Amino acid sequence: MSNFEIGAVVQLKSGGPLMTVHKQDDYSPTGPNPGLLCVWFDGAKRVEDVFDPRTLALYER
């Protein structure tokens, strides 16, 4: 599927919040195949969305 492992910290190549890869799956026909379900926090609110792995970069501290 992708080169990202569950639990990896990623960020959109265009920037944005740091996110954690929560699940890899086939989200077609409504999303990317393969897709990565990522989670992050906006203040205290938990947010999640599916991203095409080609749009993400591994975050390295």
PDB file of N, CA and C in Angstrom:
ATOM      1  N   MET A   1       0.818  -1.191   0.000  1.00  0.00           N
ATOM      2  CA  MET A   1       0.000   0.000   0.000  1.00  0.00           C
ATOM      3  C   MET A   1       0.863   1.257   0.000  1.00  0.00           C
ATOM      4  N   SER A   2       1.393   1.653   1.155  1.00  0.00           N
ATOM      5  CA  SER A   2       2.220   2.856   1.206  1.00  0.00           C
ATOM      6  C   SER A   2       3.458   2.562   2.043  1.00  0.00           C
ATOM      7  N   ASN A   3       4.356   3.509   2.046  1.00  0.00           N
ATOM      8  CA  ASN A   3       5.589   3.356   2.812  1.00  0.00           C
ATOM      9  C   ASN A   3       5.446   3.854   4.246  1.00  0.00           C
ATOM     10  N   PHE A   4       4.257   4.278   4.638  1.00  0.00           N
ATOM     11  CA  PHE A   4       4.038   4.804   5.975  1.00  0.00           C
ATOM     12  C   PHE A   4       3.488   3.712   6.882  1.00  0.00           C
ATOM     13  N   GLU A   5       4.059   3.603   8.072  1.00  0.00           N
ATOM     14  CA  GLU A   5       3.587   2.625   9.048  1.00  0.00           C
ATOM     15  C   GLU A   5       2.519   3.255   9.940  1.00  0.00           C
ATOM     16  N   ILE A   6       1.676   2.425  10.512  1.00  0.00           N
ATOM     17  CA  ILE A   6       0.700   2.890  11.484  1.00  0.00           C
ATOM     18  C   ILE A   6       1.475   3.519  12.642  1.00  0.00           C
ATOM     19  N   GLY A   7       1.045   4.700  13.056  1.00  0.00           N
ATOM     20  CA  GLY A   7       1.727   5.406  14.138  1.00  0.00           C
ATOM     21  C   GLY A   7       2.761   6.412  13.663  1.00  0.00           C
ATOM     22  N   ALA A   8       3.072   6.404  12.358  1.00  0.00           N
ATOM     23  CA  ALA A   8       4.037   7.364  11.826  1.00  0.00           C
ATOM     24  C   ALA A   8       3.472   8.777  11.914  1.00  0.00           C
ATOM     25  N   VAL A   9       4.344   9.738  12.173  1.00  0.00           N
ATOM     26  CA  VAL A   9       3.940  11.144  12.196  1.00  0.00           C
ATOM     27  C   VAL A   9       4.233  11.722  10.818  1.00  0.00           C
ATOM     28  N   VAL A  10       3.206  12.296  10.208  1.00  0.00           N
ATOM     29  CA  VAL A  10       3.304  12.811   8.842  1.00  0.00           C
ATOM     30  C   VAL A  10       2.759  14.231   8.775  1.00  0.00           C
ATOM     31  N   GLN A  11       3.033  14.868   7.650  1.00  0.00           N
ATOM     32  CA  GLN A  11       2.518  16.209   7.387  1.00  0.00           C
ATOM     33  C   GLN A  11       2.280  16.319   5.895  1.00  0.00           C
ATOM     34  N   LEU A  12       1.272  17.070   5.501  1.00  0.00           N
ATOM     35  CA  LEU A  12       1.068  17.322   4.083  1.00  0.00           C
ATOM     36  C   LEU A  12       2.314  17.989   3.510  1.00  0.00           C
ATOM     37  N   LYS A  13       2.667  17.631   2.302  1.00  0.00           N
ATOM     38  CA  LYS A  13       3.832  18.237   1.660  1.00  0.00           C
ATOM     39  C   LYS A  13       3.677  19.748   1.540  1.00  0.00           C
ATOM     40  N   SER A  14       2.453  20.218   1.498  1.00  0.00           N
ATOM     41  CA  SER A  14       2.190  21.653   1.406  1.00  0.00           C
ATOM     42  C   SER A  14       2.158  22.336   2.770  1.00  0.00           C
ATOM     43  N   GLY A  15       2.346  21.568   3.850  1.00  0.00           N
ATOM     44  CA  GLY A  15       2.328  22.123   5.206  1.00  0.00           C
ATOM     45  C   GLY A  15       1.082  21.703   5.954  1.00  0.00           C
ATOM     46  N   GLY A  16       0.873  22.298   7.111  1.00  0.00           N
ATOM     47  CA  GLY A  16      -0.296  21.958   7.921  1.00  0.00           C
ATOM     48  C   GLY A  16       0.105  21.280   9.208  1.00  0.00           C
ATOM     49  N   PRO A  17      -0.875  20.763   9.940  1.00  0.00           N
ATOM     50  CA  PRO A  17      -0.589  20.166  11.243  1.00  0.00           C
ATOM     51  C   PRO A  17       0.130  18.826  11.116  1.00  0.00           C
ATOM     52  N   LEU A  18       0.828  18.454  12.171  1.00  0.00           N
ATOM     53  CA  LEU A  18       1.399  17.112  12.244  1.00  0.00           C
ATOM     54  C   LEU A  18       0.256  16.144  12.514  1.00  0.00           C
ATOM     55  N   MET A  19       0.286  15.006  11.827  1.00  0.00           N
ATOM     56  CA  MET A  19      -0.788  14.027  11.925  1.00  0.00           C
ATOM     57  C   MET A  19      -0.187  12.647  12.184  1.00  0.00           C
ATOM     58  N   THR A  20      -0.963  11.770  12.776  1.00  0.00           N
ATOM     59  CA  THR A  20      -0.551  10.393  13.022  1.00  0.00           C
ATOM     60  C   THR A  20      -1.326   9.469  12.099  1.00  0.00           C
ATOM     61  N   VAL A  21      -0.599   8.574  11.422  1.00  0.00           N
ATOM     62  CA  VAL A  21      -1.256   7.583  10.561  1.00  0.00           C
ATOM     63  C   VAL A  21      -1.974   6.582  11.463  1.00  0.00           C
ATOM     64  N   HIS A  22      -3.273   6.481  11.277  1.00  0.00           N
ATOM     65  CA  HIS A  22      -4.106   5.619  12.116  1.00  0.00           C
ATOM     66  C   HIS A  22      -4.477   4.309  11.411  1.00  0.00           C
ATOM     67  N   LYS A  23      -4.655   4.365  10.078  1.00  0.00           N
ATOM     68  CA  LYS A  23      -5.098   3.177   9.346  1.00  0.00           C
ATOM     69  C   LYS A  23      -4.768   3.345   7.868  1.00  0.00           C
ATOM     70  N   GLN A  24      -4.433   2.244   7.209  1.00  0.00           N
ATOM     71  CA  GLN A  24      -4.250   2.220   5.760  1.00  0.00           C
ATOM     72  C   GLN A  24      -5.342   1.339   5.175  1.00  0.00           C
ATOM     73  N   ASP A  25      -5.996   1.825   4.119  1.00  0.00           N
ATOM     74  CA  ASP A  25      -7.086   1.040   3.552  1.00  0.00           C
ATOM     75  C   ASP A  25      -7.402   1.540   2.145  1.00  0.00           C
ATOM     76  N   ASP A  26      -8.323   0.866   1.502  1.00  0.00           N
ATOM     77  CA  ASP A  26      -8.849   1.267   0.202  1.00  0.00           C
ATOM     78  C   ASP A  26     -10.119   2.075   0.472  1.00  0.00           C
ATOM     79  N   TYR A  27     -10.054   3.370   0.215  1.00  0.00           N
ATOM     80  CA  TYR A  27     -11.189   4.245   0.493  1.00  0.00           C
ATOM     81  C   TYR A  27     -11.987   4.600  -0.755  1.00  0.00           C
ATOM     82  N   SER A  28     -11.713   3.918  -1.879  1.00  0.00           N
ATOM     83  CA  SER A  28     -12.490   4.173  -3.095  1.00  0.00           C
ATOM     84  C   SER A  28     -13.899   3.615  -2.898  1.00  0.00           C
ATOM     85  N   PRO A  29     -14.920   4.119  -3.517  1.00  0.00           N
ATOM     86  CA  PRO A  29     -14.922   5.149  -4.551  1.00  0.00           C
ATOM     87  C   PRO A  29     -15.015   6.568  -4.009  1.00  0.00           C
ATOM     88  N   THR A  30     -15.065   6.762  -2.687  1.00  0.00           N
ATOM     89  CA  THR A  30     -15.222   8.117  -2.149  1.00  0.00           C
ATOM     90  C   THR A  30     -13.897   8.774  -1.775  1.00  0.00           C
ATOM     91  N   GLY A  31     -12.802   8.049  -1.851  1.00  0.00           N
ATOM     92  CA  GLY A  31     -11.506   8.602  -1.459  1.00  0.00           C
ATOM     93  C   GLY A  31     -10.382   7.882  -2.169  1.00  0.00           C
ATOM     94  N   PRO A  32      -9.156   8.160  -1.754  1.00  0.00           N
ATOM     95  CA  PRO A  32      -8.003   7.584  -2.443  1.00  0.00           C
ATOM     96  C   PRO A  32      -7.851   6.087  -2.201  1.00  0.00           C
ATOM     97  N   ASN A  33      -7.246   5.436  -3.168  1.00  0.00           N
ATOM     98  CA  ASN A  33      -6.896   4.023  -3.064  1.00  0.00           C
ATOM     99  C   ASN A  33      -5.442   3.880  -3.487  1.00  0.00           C
ATOM    100  N   PRO A  34      -4.497   3.595  -2.616  1.00  0.00           N
ATOM    101  CA  PRO A  34      -4.703   3.420  -1.174  1.00  0.00           C
ATOM    102  C   PRO A  34      -4.867   4.763  -0.487  1.00  0.00           C
ATOM    103  N   GLY A  35      -5.423   4.726   0.691  1.00  0.00           N
ATOM    104  CA  GLY A  35      -5.594   5.943   1.471  1.00  0.00           C
ATOM    105  C   GLY A  35      -5.092   5.741   2.889  1.00  0.00           C
ATOM    106  N   LEU A  36      -4.684   6.839   3.493  1.00  0.00           N
ATOM    107  CA  LEU A  36      -4.221   6.811   4.875  1.00  0.00           C
ATOM    108  C   LEU A  36      -5.182   7.628   5.721  1.00  0.00           C
ATOM    109  N   LEU A  37      -5.764   7.001   6.719  1.00  0.00           N
ATOM    110  CA  LEU A  37      -6.589   7.716   7.678  1.00  0.00           C
ATOM    111  C   LEU A  37      -5.643   8.316   8.704  1.00  0.00           C
ATOM    112  N   CYS A  38      -5.622   9.644   8.779  1.00  0.00           N
ATOM    113  CA  CYS A  38      -4.735  10.348   9.693  1.00  0.00           C
ATOM    114  C   CYS A  38      -5.562  11.091  10.728  1.00  0.00           C
ATOM    115  N   VAL A  39      -5.002  11.193  11.943  1.00  0.00           N
ATOM    116  CA  VAL A  39      -5.666  11.913  13.021  1.00  0.00           C
ATOM    117  C   VAL A  39      -4.729  12.986  13.556  1.00  0.00           C
ATOM    118  N   TRP A  40      -5.338  14.090  14.020  1.00  0.00           N
ATOM    119  CA  TRP A  40      -4.582  15.176  14.641  1.00  0.00           C
ATOM    120  C   TRP A  40      -5.530  15.935  15.550  1.00  0.00           C
ATOM    121  N   PHE A  41      -4.997  16.882  16.299  1.00  0.00           N
ATOM    122  CA  PHE A  41      -5.821  17.664  17.217  1.00  0.00           C
ATOM    123  C   PHE A  41      -5.819  19.125  16.799  1.00  0.00           C
ATOM    124  N   ASP A  42      -7.005  19.714  16.813  1.00  0.00           N
ATOM    125  CA  ASP A  42      -7.205  21.136  16.601  1.00  0.00           C
ATOM    126  C   ASP A  42      -7.626  21.682  17.960  1.00  0.00           C
ATOM    127  N   GLY A  43      -6.651  22.109  18.739  1.00  0.00           N
ATOM    128  CA  GLY A  43      -6.919  22.444  20.138  1.00  0.00           C
ATOM    129  C   GLY A  43      -7.219  21.153  20.874  1.00  0.00           C
ATOM    130  N   ALA A  44      -8.387  21.059  21.491  1.00  0.00           N
ATOM    131  CA  ALA A  44      -8.787  19.841  22.196  1.00  0.00           C
ATOM    132  C   ALA A  44      -9.649  18.931  21.326  1.00  0.00           C
ATOM    133  N   LYS A  45      -9.963  19.373  20.110  1.00  0.00           N
ATOM    134  CA  LYS A  45     -10.847  18.608  19.226  1.00  0.00           C
ATOM    135  C   LYS A  45     -10.042  17.632  18.367  1.00  0.00           C
ATOM    136  N   ARG A  46     -10.422  16.359  18.400  1.00  0.00           N
ATOM    137  CA  ARG A  46      -9.795  15.336  17.565  1.00  0.00           C
ATOM    138  C   ARG A  46     -10.382  15.424  16.163  1.00  0.00           C
ATOM    139  N   VAL A  47      -9.502  15.443  15.163  1.00  0.00           N
ATOM    140  CA  VAL A  47      -9.911  15.549  13.768  1.00  0.00           C
ATOM    141  C   VAL A  47      -9.301  14.378  13.011  1.00  0.00           C
ATOM    142  N   GLU A  48     -10.005  13.883  11.996  1.00  0.00           N
ATOM    143  CA  GLU A  48      -9.454  12.815  11.153  1.00  0.00           C
ATOM    144  C   GLU A  48      -9.903  13.029   9.721  1.00  0.00           C
ATOM    145  N   ASP A  49      -9.048  12.547   8.798  1.00  0.00           N
ATOM    146  CA  ASP A  49      -9.383  12.618   7.385  1.00  0.00           C
ATOM    147  C   ASP A  49      -8.508  11.607   6.656  1.00  0.00           C
ATOM    148  N   VAL A  50      -8.883  11.306   5.416  1.00  0.00           N
ATOM    149  CA  VAL A  50      -8.158  10.354   4.586  1.00  0.00           C
ATOM    150  C   VAL A  50      -7.338  11.123   3.560  1.00  0.00           C
ATOM    151  N   PHE A  51      -6.089  10.700   3.376  1.00  0.00           N
ATOM    152  CA  PHE A  51      -5.187  11.365   2.448  1.00  0.00           C
ATOM    153  C   PHE A  51      -4.536  10.347   1.517  1.00  0.00           C
ATOM    154  N   ASP A  52      -4.260  10.784   0.309  1.00  0.00           N
ATOM    155  CA  ASP A  52      -3.462   9.998  -0.622  1.00  0.00           C
ATOM    156  C   ASP A  52      -2.023  10.023  -0.102  1.00  0.00           C
ATOM    157  N   PRO A  53      -1.365   8.864   0.037  1.00  0.00           N
ATOM    158  CA  PRO A  53      -0.012   8.854   0.594  1.00  0.00           C
ATOM    159  C   PRO A  53       0.990   9.686  -0.210  1.00  0.00           C
ATOM    160  N   ARG A  54       0.722   9.923  -1.479  1.00  0.00           N
ATOM    161  CA  ARG A  54       1.645  10.728  -2.289  1.00  0.00           C
ATOM    162  C   ARG A  54       1.639  12.192  -1.895  1.00  0.00           C
ATOM    163  N   THR A  55       0.636  12.614  -1.099  1.00  0.00           N
ATOM    164  CA  THR A  55       0.556  14.012  -0.674  1.00  0.00           C
ATOM    165  C   THR A  55       1.213  14.241   0.685  1.00  0.00           C
ATOM    166  N   LEU A  56       1.744  13.182   1.310  1.00  0.00           N
ATOM    167  CA  LEU A  56       2.281  13.256   2.660  1.00  0.00           C
ATOM    168  C   LEU A  56       3.788  13.055   2.688  1.00  0.00           C
ATOM    169  N   ALA A  57       4.410  13.643   3.697  1.00  0.00           N
ATOM    170  CA  ALA A  57       5.836  13.453   3.951  1.00  0.00           C
ATOM    171  C   ALA A  57       6.011  13.003   5.394  1.00  0.00           C
ATOM    172  N   LEU A  58       6.962  12.116   5.624  1.00  0.00           N
ATOM    173  CA  LEU A  58       7.272  11.664   6.971  1.00  0.00           C
ATOM    174  C   LEU A  58       7.889  12.811   7.743  1.00  0.00           C
ATOM    175  N   TYR A  59       7.403  13.064   8.932  1.00  0.00           N
ATOM    176  CA  TYR A  59       7.940  14.137   9.766  1.00  0.00           C
ATOM    177  C   TYR A  59       9.143  13.594  10.519  1.00  0.00           C
ATOM    178  N   GLU A  60      10.249  14.282  10.394  1.00  0.00           N
ATOM    179  CA  GLU A  60      11.460  13.887  11.109  1.00  0.00           C
ATOM    180  C   GLU A  60      11.876  15.023  12.019  1.00  0.00           C
ATOM    181  N   ARG A  61      12.005  14.704  13.283  1.00  0.00           N
ATOM    182  CA  ARG A  61      12.355  15.729  14.283  1.00  0.00           C
ATOM    183  C   ARG A  61      13.772  16.176  14.158  1.00  0.00           C
TER     184      ARG A  61
END
